[in-house]
């Protein structure tokens, strides 16, 4: 069934450690279940995307970030599947706390991946964010 309410707004974070590895979670349900993806989620009404990213990352990983560096804007559309998401992705290279799995009913992980050892089953937004990271470092 097609989504007639229009685009939905999400957010995410590409969390990169000092070794250049990216932190991913494996989705257990919803769109692209079974795929590895960036932490993040839905933006609540009257919430900035930066605040939503900070809140979602804390809910999912138990760490505190500051979403200040916009990496890219991900647009994911599937008219047949009935979803349309617009999601800013923030680049995060420092945080407080140790990443941990806070929502085991939604995700597996978290797990760090080197850029040359990424899993094949990545979500579409993660693929777009990785392409933006490569462009930035080129």
N, C-alpha and C. Protein backbone atom coordinates (compact mmCIF):
# COMPACT_ATOMS: atom_id res chain seq x y z
N UNK A 1 0.84 -1.18 0.00
CA UNK A 1 0.00 0.00 0.00
C UNK A 1 0.89 1.24 0.00
N UNK A 2 0.60 2.20 -0.84
CA UNK A 2 1.41 3.41 -0.95
C UNK A 2 1.20 4.33 0.24
N UNK A 3 2.26 5.01 0.58
CA UNK A 3 2.23 5.99 1.67
C UNK A 3 1.63 7.28 1.10
N UNK A 4 0.49 7.69 1.62
CA UNK A 4 -0.16 8.90 1.13
C UNK A 4 0.06 10.08 2.05
N UNK A 5 0.83 9.89 3.11
CA UNK A 5 1.06 10.98 4.06
C UNK A 5 2.28 11.80 3.70
N UNK A 6 3.02 11.39 2.70
CA UNK A 6 4.21 12.13 2.31
C UNK A 6 5.46 11.58 2.97
N UNK A 7 6.59 12.24 2.71
CA UNK A 7 7.86 11.75 3.24
C UNK A 7 7.90 11.78 4.77
N UNK A 8 8.63 10.83 5.32
CA UNK A 8 8.89 10.81 6.76
C UNK A 8 10.33 11.24 6.98
N UNK A 9 10.61 11.75 8.16
CA UNK A 9 11.95 12.27 8.45
C UNK A 9 12.63 11.37 9.47
N UNK A 10 13.83 10.95 9.11
CA UNK A 10 14.65 10.15 10.00
C UNK A 10 15.98 10.85 10.21
N UNK A 11 16.89 10.18 10.89
CA UNK A 11 18.23 10.71 11.11
C UNK A 11 19.15 9.55 11.42
N UNK A 12 20.44 9.79 11.26
CA UNK A 12 21.40 8.75 11.56
C UNK A 12 22.75 9.35 11.86
N UNK A 13 23.67 8.49 12.29
CA UNK A 13 25.03 8.93 12.59
C UNK A 13 26.02 7.91 12.09
N UNK A 14 27.02 8.41 11.37
CA UNK A 14 28.17 7.59 10.98
C UNK A 14 29.21 7.82 12.08
N UNK A 15 29.31 6.86 12.98
CA UNK A 15 30.21 6.97 14.13
C UNK A 15 31.52 6.28 13.75
N UNK A 16 32.59 7.07 13.69
CA UNK A 16 33.88 6.59 13.23
C UNK A 16 34.89 6.69 14.37
N UNK A 17 35.59 5.58 14.67
CA UNK A 17 36.58 5.62 15.76
C UNK A 17 37.94 6.09 15.25
N UNK A 18 38.91 6.17 16.14
CA UNK A 18 40.24 6.70 15.79
C UNK A 18 40.99 5.81 14.80
N UNK A 19 40.55 4.56 14.64
CA UNK A 19 41.16 3.66 13.67
C UNK A 19 40.45 3.70 12.31
N UNK A 20 39.43 4.57 12.18
CA UNK A 20 38.71 4.70 10.92
C UNK A 20 37.61 3.67 10.73
N UNK A 21 37.28 2.92 11.79
CA UNK A 21 36.21 1.93 11.71
C UNK A 21 34.86 2.60 11.94
N UNK A 22 33.80 2.02 11.35
CA UNK A 22 32.45 2.54 11.50
C UNK A 22 31.64 1.60 12.38
N UNK A 23 30.78 2.17 13.21
CA UNK A 23 29.96 1.40 14.14
C UNK A 23 28.59 1.15 13.50
N UNK A 24 28.22 -0.13 13.39
CA UNK A 24 26.95 -0.49 12.77
C UNK A 24 26.14 -1.40 13.68
N UNK A 25 24.82 -1.37 13.48
CA UNK A 25 23.88 -2.25 14.15
C UNK A 25 23.19 -3.10 13.09
N UNK A 26 22.87 -4.34 13.44
CA UNK A 26 22.13 -5.20 12.51
C UNK A 26 20.65 -5.12 12.84
N UNK A 27 19.86 -4.70 11.86
CA UNK A 27 18.42 -4.52 12.06
C UNK A 27 17.73 -5.87 12.18
N UNK A 28 16.83 -6.00 13.14
CA UNK A 28 16.11 -7.25 13.32
C UNK A 28 14.69 -7.19 12.77
N UNK A 29 14.19 -5.97 12.49
CA UNK A 29 12.81 -5.86 11.99
C UNK A 29 12.67 -4.61 11.13
N UNK A 30 11.52 -4.50 10.49
CA UNK A 30 11.24 -3.32 9.68
C UNK A 30 11.95 -3.37 8.35
N UNK A 31 12.08 -2.20 7.74
CA UNK A 31 12.75 -2.09 6.45
C UNK A 31 14.18 -2.63 6.55
N UNK A 32 14.54 -3.42 5.60
CA UNK A 32 15.89 -3.96 5.49
C UNK A 32 16.32 -4.78 6.72
N UNK A 33 15.38 -5.51 7.30
CA UNK A 33 15.70 -6.40 8.43
C UNK A 33 16.78 -7.38 7.99
N UNK A 34 17.73 -7.65 8.87
CA UNK A 34 18.84 -8.53 8.58
C UNK A 34 20.06 -7.81 8.04
N UNK A 35 19.90 -6.54 7.72
CA UNK A 35 21.01 -5.76 7.19
C UNK A 35 21.67 -4.94 8.29
N UNK A 36 22.95 -4.65 8.07
CA UNK A 36 23.71 -3.80 8.98
C UNK A 36 23.50 -2.35 8.58
N UNK A 37 23.32 -1.49 9.58
CA UNK A 37 23.07 -0.10 9.28
C UNK A 37 23.55 0.85 10.35
N UNK A 38 23.45 2.12 10.01
CA UNK A 38 23.81 3.19 10.93
C UNK A 38 22.81 3.26 12.07
N UNK A 39 23.26 3.62 13.25
CA UNK A 39 22.30 3.90 14.31
C UNK A 39 21.54 5.18 13.98
N UNK A 40 20.33 5.25 14.45
CA UNK A 40 19.49 6.43 14.21
C UNK A 40 18.03 6.04 14.26
N UNK A 41 17.18 6.94 13.84
CA UNK A 41 15.76 6.63 13.89
C UNK A 41 14.90 7.78 13.42
N UNK A 42 13.69 7.79 13.91
CA UNK A 42 12.69 8.78 13.49
C UNK A 42 12.88 10.09 14.24
N UNK A 43 12.55 11.17 13.54
CA UNK A 43 12.54 12.50 14.14
C UNK A 43 11.14 12.75 14.67
N UNK A 44 11.04 13.13 15.93
CA UNK A 44 9.74 13.43 16.53
C UNK A 44 9.26 14.81 16.10
N UNK A 45 7.95 15.06 16.16
CA UNK A 45 7.44 16.39 15.81
C UNK A 45 8.12 17.48 16.66
N UNK A 46 8.48 18.56 16.01
CA UNK A 46 9.07 19.75 16.64
C UNK A 46 10.43 19.46 17.28
N UNK A 47 11.13 18.46 16.76
CA UNK A 47 12.47 18.11 17.21
C UNK A 47 13.43 18.36 16.05
N UNK A 48 14.56 18.97 16.32
CA UNK A 48 15.54 19.14 15.26
C UNK A 48 16.14 17.78 14.90
N UNK A 49 16.64 17.66 13.68
CA UNK A 49 17.25 16.40 13.27
C UNK A 49 18.51 16.11 14.09
N UNK A 50 19.26 17.16 14.44
CA UNK A 50 20.47 16.96 15.26
C UNK A 50 20.09 16.42 16.64
N UNK A 51 19.08 17.00 17.26
CA UNK A 51 18.66 16.51 18.57
C UNK A 51 18.13 15.09 18.47
N UNK A 52 17.38 14.80 17.41
CA UNK A 52 16.86 13.44 17.23
C UNK A 52 18.01 12.44 17.09
N UNK A 53 19.05 12.80 16.34
CA UNK A 53 20.20 11.90 16.20
C UNK A 53 20.86 11.67 17.56
N UNK A 54 21.04 12.72 18.32
CA UNK A 54 21.65 12.59 19.65
C UNK A 54 20.78 11.70 20.55
N UNK A 55 19.47 11.90 20.52
CA UNK A 55 18.55 11.11 21.35
C UNK A 55 18.54 9.65 20.91
N UNK A 56 18.42 9.43 19.60
CA UNK A 56 18.36 8.05 19.09
C UNK A 56 19.64 7.28 19.37
N UNK A 57 20.78 7.93 19.20
CA UNK A 57 22.05 7.26 19.46
C UNK A 57 22.17 6.90 20.94
N UNK A 58 21.71 7.78 21.80
CA UNK A 58 21.73 7.48 23.24
C UNK A 58 20.79 6.32 23.55
N UNK A 59 19.60 6.31 22.95
CA UNK A 59 18.65 5.22 23.19
C UNK A 59 19.18 3.89 22.68
N UNK A 60 19.82 3.89 21.51
CA UNK A 60 20.27 2.64 20.90
C UNK A 60 21.60 2.13 21.42
N UNK A 61 22.52 3.07 21.74
CA UNK A 61 23.89 2.67 22.08
C UNK A 61 24.34 3.08 23.48
N UNK A 62 23.57 3.94 24.16
CA UNK A 62 23.93 4.37 25.50
C UNK A 62 25.08 5.35 25.55
N UNK A 63 25.43 5.96 24.41
CA UNK A 63 26.52 6.94 24.39
C UNK A 63 25.96 8.33 24.12
N UNK A 64 26.73 9.33 24.46
CA UNK A 64 26.35 10.72 24.24
C UNK A 64 27.18 11.28 23.09
N UNK A 65 26.50 11.79 22.07
CA UNK A 65 27.18 12.39 20.92
C UNK A 65 26.72 13.84 20.76
N UNK A 66 27.43 14.55 19.93
CA UNK A 66 26.98 15.87 19.48
C UNK A 66 26.90 15.80 17.96
N UNK A 67 25.69 15.98 17.44
CA UNK A 67 25.45 15.91 16.00
C UNK A 67 25.62 17.31 15.42
N UNK A 68 26.82 17.60 14.94
CA UNK A 68 27.12 18.92 14.41
C UNK A 68 27.61 18.90 12.97
N UNK A 69 28.23 17.80 12.56
CA UNK A 69 28.87 17.72 11.26
C UNK A 69 27.99 16.91 10.31
N UNK A 70 27.23 17.59 9.45
CA UNK A 70 26.35 16.91 8.52
C UNK A 70 27.18 16.23 7.43
N UNK A 71 27.08 14.92 7.35
CA UNK A 71 27.82 14.15 6.36
C UNK A 71 27.09 14.13 5.02
N UNK A 72 25.80 13.83 5.05
CA UNK A 72 25.03 13.74 3.81
C UNK A 72 23.54 13.72 4.14
N UNK A 73 22.75 13.84 3.10
CA UNK A 73 21.31 13.70 3.20
C UNK A 73 20.91 12.47 2.42
N UNK A 74 20.31 11.51 3.09
CA UNK A 74 19.88 10.27 2.46
C UNK A 74 18.41 10.39 2.12
N UNK A 75 18.08 10.05 0.87
CA UNK A 75 16.69 9.99 0.44
C UNK A 75 16.41 8.58 -0.04
N UNK A 76 15.47 7.94 0.61
CA UNK A 76 15.15 6.56 0.29
C UNK A 76 13.67 6.49 -0.08
N UNK A 77 13.41 6.10 -1.34
CA UNK A 77 12.03 6.07 -1.84
C UNK A 77 11.71 4.73 -2.45
N UNK A 78 10.52 4.24 -2.14
CA UNK A 78 10.01 3.00 -2.73
C UNK A 78 8.50 3.15 -2.87
N UNK A 79 8.05 3.60 -4.05
CA UNK A 79 6.63 3.84 -4.26
C UNK A 79 5.82 2.55 -4.14
N UNK A 80 6.38 1.44 -4.59
CA UNK A 80 5.67 0.17 -4.53
C UNK A 80 5.55 -0.29 -3.07
N UNK A 81 6.65 -0.19 -2.33
CA UNK A 81 6.65 -0.58 -0.92
C UNK A 81 5.97 0.44 -0.02
N UNK A 82 5.75 1.64 -0.52
CA UNK A 82 5.01 2.65 0.23
C UNK A 82 5.83 3.38 1.26
N UNK A 83 7.12 3.55 1.03
CA UNK A 83 7.88 4.35 1.99
C UNK A 83 8.76 5.37 1.28
N UNK A 84 8.91 6.49 1.96
CA UNK A 84 9.74 7.60 1.48
C UNK A 84 10.33 8.26 2.72
N UNK A 85 11.65 8.13 2.87
CA UNK A 85 12.36 8.69 4.03
C UNK A 85 13.36 9.72 3.56
N UNK A 86 13.45 10.80 4.28
CA UNK A 86 14.49 11.81 4.11
C UNK A 86 15.25 11.86 5.43
N UNK A 87 16.56 11.60 5.38
CA UNK A 87 17.32 11.45 6.63
C UNK A 87 18.70 12.08 6.55
N UNK A 88 18.94 13.14 7.31
CA UNK A 88 20.30 13.63 7.42
C UNK A 88 21.14 12.63 8.23
N UNK A 89 22.39 12.47 7.80
CA UNK A 89 23.33 11.61 8.51
C UNK A 89 24.48 12.49 8.99
N UNK A 90 24.75 12.42 10.27
CA UNK A 90 25.82 13.22 10.89
C UNK A 90 27.07 12.38 11.05
N UNK A 91 28.22 13.01 10.85
CA UNK A 91 29.50 12.36 11.08
C UNK A 91 29.91 12.62 12.53
N UNK A 92 30.20 11.54 13.24
CA UNK A 92 30.55 11.63 14.67
C UNK A 92 31.90 10.94 14.87
N UNK A 93 32.87 11.67 15.43
CA UNK A 93 34.20 11.09 15.66
C UNK A 93 34.60 11.13 17.14
N UNK A 94 33.72 11.65 17.98
CA UNK A 94 33.99 11.60 19.43
C UNK A 94 32.65 11.47 20.15
N UNK A 95 32.69 10.82 21.29
CA UNK A 95 31.48 10.56 22.07
C UNK A 95 31.88 10.27 23.49
N UNK A 96 30.88 10.26 24.36
CA UNK A 96 31.10 9.90 25.76
C UNK A 96 30.38 8.59 26.06
N UNK A 97 31.09 7.69 26.71
CA UNK A 97 30.53 6.39 27.05
C UNK A 97 31.08 5.31 26.14
N UNK A 98 30.66 4.10 26.41
CA UNK A 98 31.07 2.93 25.64
C UNK A 98 29.86 2.37 24.91
N UNK A 99 29.89 2.27 23.57
CA UNK A 99 28.73 1.77 22.84
C UNK A 99 28.31 0.38 23.32
N UNK A 100 27.01 0.23 23.55
CA UNK A 100 26.45 -1.05 24.01
C UNK A 100 25.08 -1.23 23.37
N UNK A 101 24.63 -2.45 23.29
CA UNK A 101 23.31 -2.75 22.74
C UNK A 101 22.25 -2.42 23.79
N UNK A 102 21.43 -1.41 23.51
CA UNK A 102 20.42 -0.96 24.46
C UNK A 102 19.01 -1.42 24.07
N UNK A 103 18.83 -1.83 22.81
CA UNK A 103 17.51 -2.26 22.33
C UNK A 103 17.62 -3.61 21.63
N UNK A 104 17.86 -4.69 22.41
CA UNK A 104 18.09 -6.01 21.81
C UNK A 104 16.90 -6.55 21.02
N UNK A 105 15.72 -6.02 21.25
CA UNK A 105 14.55 -6.44 20.48
C UNK A 105 14.55 -5.85 19.07
N UNK A 106 15.36 -4.81 18.84
CA UNK A 106 15.40 -4.13 17.55
C UNK A 106 16.68 -4.40 16.76
N UNK A 107 17.79 -4.66 17.48
CA UNK A 107 19.09 -4.73 16.82
C UNK A 107 19.96 -5.84 17.38
N UNK A 108 21.01 -6.17 16.60
CA UNK A 108 22.14 -6.96 17.06
C UNK A 108 23.37 -6.08 16.92
N UNK A 109 24.42 -6.41 17.66
CA UNK A 109 25.63 -5.59 17.63
C UNK A 109 25.70 -4.83 18.94
N UNK A 110 26.25 -3.66 18.95
CA UNK A 110 26.93 -2.97 17.85
C UNK A 110 28.28 -3.63 17.53
N UNK A 111 28.72 -3.39 16.31
CA UNK A 111 29.99 -3.95 15.87
C UNK A 111 30.75 -2.92 15.04
N UNK A 112 32.07 -2.87 15.25
CA UNK A 112 32.93 -1.98 14.48
C UNK A 112 33.40 -2.70 13.22
N UNK A 113 33.41 -1.96 12.10
CA UNK A 113 33.86 -2.51 10.83
C UNK A 113 34.90 -1.59 10.20
N UNK A 114 36.01 -2.19 9.75
CA UNK A 114 37.00 -1.44 8.97
C UNK A 114 36.42 -1.18 7.59
N UNK A 115 36.82 -0.07 6.95
CA UNK A 115 36.26 0.25 5.63
C UNK A 115 36.45 -0.84 4.58
N UNK A 116 37.51 -1.64 4.72
CA UNK A 116 37.76 -2.70 3.74
C UNK A 116 37.21 -4.06 4.18
N UNK A 117 36.49 -4.10 5.29
CA UNK A 117 35.92 -5.35 5.81
C UNK A 117 34.44 -5.19 6.16
N UNK A 118 33.72 -4.45 5.34
CA UNK A 118 32.30 -4.21 5.59
C UNK A 118 31.47 -5.41 5.20
N UNK A 119 30.37 -5.67 5.92
CA UNK A 119 29.49 -6.76 5.51
C UNK A 119 28.81 -6.44 4.17
N UNK A 120 28.40 -7.46 3.45
CA UNK A 120 27.72 -7.26 2.17
C UNK A 120 26.30 -6.73 2.36
N UNK A 121 25.66 -7.15 3.44
CA UNK A 121 24.26 -6.80 3.66
C UNK A 121 24.13 -5.49 4.44
N UNK A 122 24.35 -4.38 3.73
CA UNK A 122 24.25 -3.03 4.31
C UNK A 122 22.93 -2.39 3.90
N UNK A 123 22.36 -1.58 4.78
CA UNK A 123 21.16 -0.84 4.43
C UNK A 123 21.48 0.20 3.36
N UNK A 124 20.47 0.61 2.63
CA UNK A 124 20.64 1.63 1.60
C UNK A 124 21.19 2.93 2.18
N UNK A 125 20.65 3.46 3.29
CA UNK A 125 21.23 4.68 3.85
C UNK A 125 22.70 4.53 4.24
N UNK A 126 23.09 3.36 4.71
CA UNK A 126 24.49 3.13 5.09
C UNK A 126 25.38 3.16 3.87
N UNK A 127 24.92 2.56 2.78
CA UNK A 127 25.70 2.61 1.53
C UNK A 127 25.89 4.06 1.06
N UNK A 128 24.83 4.86 1.15
CA UNK A 128 24.93 6.27 0.74
C UNK A 128 25.88 7.04 1.65
N UNK A 129 25.82 6.79 2.95
CA UNK A 129 26.71 7.48 3.89
C UNK A 129 28.17 7.08 3.66
N UNK A 130 28.41 5.80 3.38
CA UNK A 130 29.77 5.35 3.11
C UNK A 130 30.32 5.99 1.85
N UNK A 131 29.47 6.16 0.83
CA UNK A 131 29.91 6.85 -0.39
C UNK A 131 30.27 8.30 -0.08
N UNK A 132 29.49 8.96 0.77
CA UNK A 132 29.80 10.34 1.17
C UNK A 132 31.10 10.41 1.96
N UNK A 133 31.35 9.42 2.81
CA UNK A 133 32.61 9.37 3.56
C UNK A 133 33.80 9.22 2.61
N UNK A 134 33.66 8.35 1.62
CA UNK A 134 34.74 8.16 0.66
C UNK A 134 35.02 9.45 -0.12
N UNK A 135 33.97 10.14 -0.52
CA UNK A 135 34.15 11.41 -1.25
C UNK A 135 34.85 12.44 -0.38
N UNK A 136 34.50 12.46 0.90
CA UNK A 136 35.08 13.43 1.82
C UNK A 136 36.57 13.20 2.02
N UNK A 137 36.98 11.92 2.02
CA UNK A 137 38.38 11.62 2.29
C UNK A 137 39.22 11.55 1.02
N UNK A 138 38.58 11.72 -0.14
CA UNK A 138 39.32 11.65 -1.41
C UNK A 138 40.08 12.94 -1.67
